[in-house]
Amino acid sequence: MRGSIEGTKPDFTAAYNRKWPHAYFRAHLGLDYMIPDRAGPVFERIFADYRRVRNKHRLKIIDIGCSYG
């Protein structure tokens, strides 16, 4: 299920139609999908700054743009 440099886009329709995103994330494992790994440290810094500025210890994150569903 690997995409190609020519622009072939994998079809995640079956994963989108599930209640939970586990199938979506598993589908990305076979594609060497790296966005969460690269974005994670950026979001961690943003969350740390937000906690500090707003004096919050716990955050409730609804969605940070995972594109699921």
N, C-alpha and C. Protein backbone atom coordinates (compact mmCIF):
# COMPACT_ATOMS: atom_id res chain seq x y z
N MET A 1 0.83 -1.19 0.00
CA MET A 1 0.00 0.00 0.00
C MET A 1 0.87 1.25 0.00
N ARG A 2 1.99 1.22 -0.63
CA ARG A 2 2.87 2.37 -0.68
C ARG A 2 2.49 3.32 -1.80
N GLY A 3 2.49 4.62 -1.49
CA GLY A 3 2.27 5.62 -2.52
C GLY A 3 3.55 5.77 -3.33
N SER A 4 3.46 6.45 -4.44
CA SER A 4 4.65 6.63 -5.26
C SER A 4 4.94 8.11 -5.43
N ILE A 5 6.13 8.39 -5.89
CA ILE A 5 6.54 9.77 -6.13
C ILE A 5 5.74 10.40 -7.27
N GLU A 6 5.13 9.57 -8.10
CA GLU A 6 4.33 10.07 -9.21
C GLU A 6 2.99 10.62 -8.75
N GLY A 7 2.68 10.54 -7.49
CA GLY A 7 1.46 11.14 -6.98
C GLY A 7 0.34 10.18 -6.64
N THR A 8 0.59 8.89 -6.61
CA THR A 8 -0.44 7.94 -6.22
C THR A 8 -0.77 8.16 -4.75
N LYS A 9 -2.03 8.36 -4.48
CA LYS A 9 -2.45 8.61 -3.10
C LYS A 9 -3.17 7.38 -2.56
N PRO A 10 -2.73 6.86 -1.41
CA PRO A 10 -3.40 5.71 -0.82
C PRO A 10 -4.85 6.05 -0.47
N ASP A 11 -5.71 5.05 -0.53
CA ASP A 11 -7.12 5.22 -0.21
C ASP A 11 -7.37 4.78 1.23
N PHE A 12 -7.76 5.72 2.08
CA PHE A 12 -8.02 5.43 3.49
C PHE A 12 -9.52 5.38 3.81
N THR A 13 -10.35 5.24 2.78
CA THR A 13 -11.80 5.28 2.97
C THR A 13 -12.27 4.30 4.04
N ALA A 14 -11.80 3.07 4.00
CA ALA A 14 -12.23 2.07 4.98
C ALA A 14 -11.85 2.48 6.40
N ALA A 15 -10.69 3.08 6.55
CA ALA A 15 -10.26 3.53 7.88
C ALA A 15 -11.05 4.74 8.35
N TYR A 16 -11.45 5.61 7.43
CA TYR A 16 -12.23 6.79 7.80
C TYR A 16 -13.60 6.43 8.33
N ASN A 17 -14.14 5.32 7.91
CA ASN A 17 -15.50 4.95 8.28
C ASN A 17 -15.59 4.18 9.60
N ARG A 18 -14.55 4.18 10.36
CA ARG A 18 -14.54 3.50 11.65
C ARG A 18 -14.77 4.50 12.79
N LYS A 19 -15.27 4.00 13.90
CA LYS A 19 -15.54 4.86 15.05
C LYS A 19 -14.25 5.40 15.66
N TRP A 20 -13.22 4.58 15.70
CA TRP A 20 -11.95 4.96 16.31
C TRP A 20 -10.85 4.98 15.25
N PRO A 21 -9.80 5.79 15.42
CA PRO A 21 -8.78 5.97 14.39
C PRO A 21 -7.69 4.91 14.32
N HIS A 22 -7.80 3.82 15.06
CA HIS A 22 -6.72 2.83 15.10
C HIS A 22 -6.37 2.28 13.71
N ALA A 23 -7.37 1.96 12.91
CA ALA A 23 -7.11 1.43 11.56
C ALA A 23 -6.42 2.47 10.69
N TYR A 24 -6.78 3.71 10.87
CA TYR A 24 -6.16 4.81 10.12
C TYR A 24 -4.67 4.89 10.44
N PHE A 25 -4.33 4.83 11.71
CA PHE A 25 -2.92 4.91 12.10
C PHE A 25 -2.16 3.66 11.66
N ARG A 26 -2.78 2.48 11.77
CA ARG A 26 -2.13 1.25 11.31
C ARG A 26 -1.84 1.31 9.82
N ALA A 27 -2.76 1.88 9.04
CA ALA A 27 -2.56 2.00 7.59
C ALA A 27 -1.34 2.85 7.28
N HIS A 28 -1.08 3.84 8.10
CA HIS A 28 0.07 4.72 7.87
C HIS A 28 1.40 4.05 8.21
N LEU A 29 1.39 3.05 9.08
CA LEU A 29 2.63 2.37 9.44
C LEU A 29 3.31 1.78 8.20
N GLY A 30 2.52 1.20 7.31
CA GLY A 30 3.07 0.61 6.10
C GLY A 30 3.57 1.63 5.09
N LEU A 31 3.27 2.90 5.33
CA LEU A 31 3.68 3.95 4.40
C LEU A 31 4.85 4.77 4.92
N ASP A 32 5.38 4.39 6.08
CA ASP A 32 6.44 5.17 6.72
C ASP A 32 6.01 6.62 6.91
N TYR A 33 4.76 6.81 7.30
CA TYR A 33 4.19 8.13 7.50
C TYR A 33 4.88 8.81 8.68
N MET A 34 5.48 9.97 8.46
CA MET A 34 6.33 10.60 9.46
C MET A 34 5.76 11.88 10.08
N ILE A 35 4.66 12.39 9.59
CA ILE A 35 4.16 13.67 10.08
C ILE A 35 3.97 13.69 11.60
N PRO A 36 3.32 12.68 12.21
CA PRO A 36 3.16 12.74 13.68
C PRO A 36 4.50 12.79 14.41
N ASP A 37 5.49 12.06 13.92
CA ASP A 37 6.80 12.06 14.56
C ASP A 37 7.46 13.43 14.48
N ARG A 38 7.30 14.08 13.38
CA ARG A 38 7.91 15.40 13.20
C ARG A 38 7.10 16.50 13.86
N ALA A 39 5.80 16.35 13.87
CA ALA A 39 4.94 17.38 14.46
C ALA A 39 4.87 17.29 15.98
N GLY A 40 5.08 16.10 16.52
CA GLY A 40 4.97 15.90 17.97
C GLY A 40 5.77 16.88 18.80
N PRO A 41 7.06 17.04 18.54
CA PRO A 41 7.85 17.98 19.33
C PRO A 41 7.35 19.43 19.21
N VAL A 42 6.85 19.80 18.06
CA VAL A 42 6.32 21.15 17.87
C VAL A 42 5.09 21.35 18.76
N PHE A 43 4.17 20.39 18.74
CA PHE A 43 2.98 20.50 19.57
C PHE A 43 3.32 20.46 21.05
N GLU A 44 4.30 19.64 21.43
CA GLU A 44 4.70 19.59 22.84
C GLU A 44 5.19 20.96 23.32
N ARG A 45 5.95 21.67 22.49
CA ARG A 45 6.41 23.02 22.86
C ARG A 45 5.24 23.98 22.98
N ILE A 46 4.31 23.89 22.03
CA ILE A 46 3.12 24.75 22.08
C ILE A 46 2.33 24.48 23.35
N PHE A 47 2.12 23.20 23.67
CA PHE A 47 1.36 22.85 24.87
C PHE A 47 2.07 23.34 26.13
N ALA A 48 3.39 23.19 26.18
CA ALA A 48 4.15 23.65 27.34
C ALA A 48 4.03 25.16 27.51
N ASP A 49 4.13 25.89 26.42
CA ASP A 49 3.98 27.35 26.49
C ASP A 49 2.58 27.73 26.94
N TYR A 50 1.58 27.04 26.42
CA TYR A 50 0.20 27.33 26.79
C TYR A 50 -0.02 27.07 28.29
N ARG A 51 0.50 25.94 28.77
CA ARG A 51 0.36 25.63 30.20
C ARG A 51 1.00 26.71 31.06
N ARG A 52 2.17 27.16 30.63
CA ARG A 52 2.90 28.17 31.39
C ARG A 52 2.15 29.51 31.37
N VAL A 53 1.76 29.97 30.19
CA VAL A 53 1.09 31.26 30.05
C VAL A 53 -0.28 31.28 30.73
N ARG A 54 -1.02 30.20 30.60
CA ARG A 54 -2.38 30.13 31.16
C ARG A 54 -2.42 29.52 32.56
N ASN A 55 -1.26 29.15 33.08
CA ASN A 55 -1.17 28.52 34.40
C ASN A 55 -2.07 27.29 34.48
N LYS A 56 -1.96 26.45 33.47
CA LYS A 56 -2.75 25.21 33.40
C LYS A 56 -1.82 24.02 33.61
N HIS A 57 -2.32 23.02 34.30
CA HIS A 57 -1.52 21.80 34.49
C HIS A 57 -2.01 20.68 33.59
N ARG A 58 -3.31 20.71 33.29
CA ARG A 58 -3.89 19.69 32.42
C ARG A 58 -4.57 20.37 31.25
N LEU A 59 -4.40 19.81 30.08
CA LEU A 59 -5.05 20.32 28.89
C LEU A 59 -6.01 19.26 28.36
N LYS A 60 -7.09 19.70 27.79
CA LYS A 60 -8.01 18.77 27.12
C LYS A 60 -7.91 19.08 25.63
N ILE A 61 -7.23 18.23 24.91
CA ILE A 61 -7.01 18.42 23.48
C ILE A 61 -8.08 17.64 22.73
N ILE A 62 -8.84 18.32 21.91
CA ILE A 62 -9.89 17.68 21.14
C ILE A 62 -9.32 17.15 19.82
N ASP A 63 -8.62 17.98 19.10
CA ASP A 63 -8.08 17.60 17.79
C ASP A 63 -6.95 18.56 17.45
N ILE A 64 -5.86 18.04 16.99
CA ILE A 64 -4.77 18.91 16.56
C ILE A 64 -4.49 18.72 15.07
N GLY A 65 -5.53 18.44 14.35
CA GLY A 65 -5.39 18.33 12.90
C GLY A 65 -4.92 16.97 12.42
N CYS A 66 -5.41 15.91 13.02
CA CYS A 66 -4.96 14.58 12.62
C CYS A 66 -5.57 14.13 11.29
N SER A 67 -6.54 14.86 10.80
CA SER A 67 -7.19 14.56 9.51
C SER A 67 -7.95 13.25 9.50
N TYR A 68 -8.27 12.72 10.65
CA TYR A 68 -9.05 11.48 10.70
C TYR A 68 -10.52 11.82 10.54
N GLY A 69 -11.16 11.15 9.58
CA GLY A 69 -12.59 11.32 9.39
C GLY A 69 -12.93 12.58 8.81
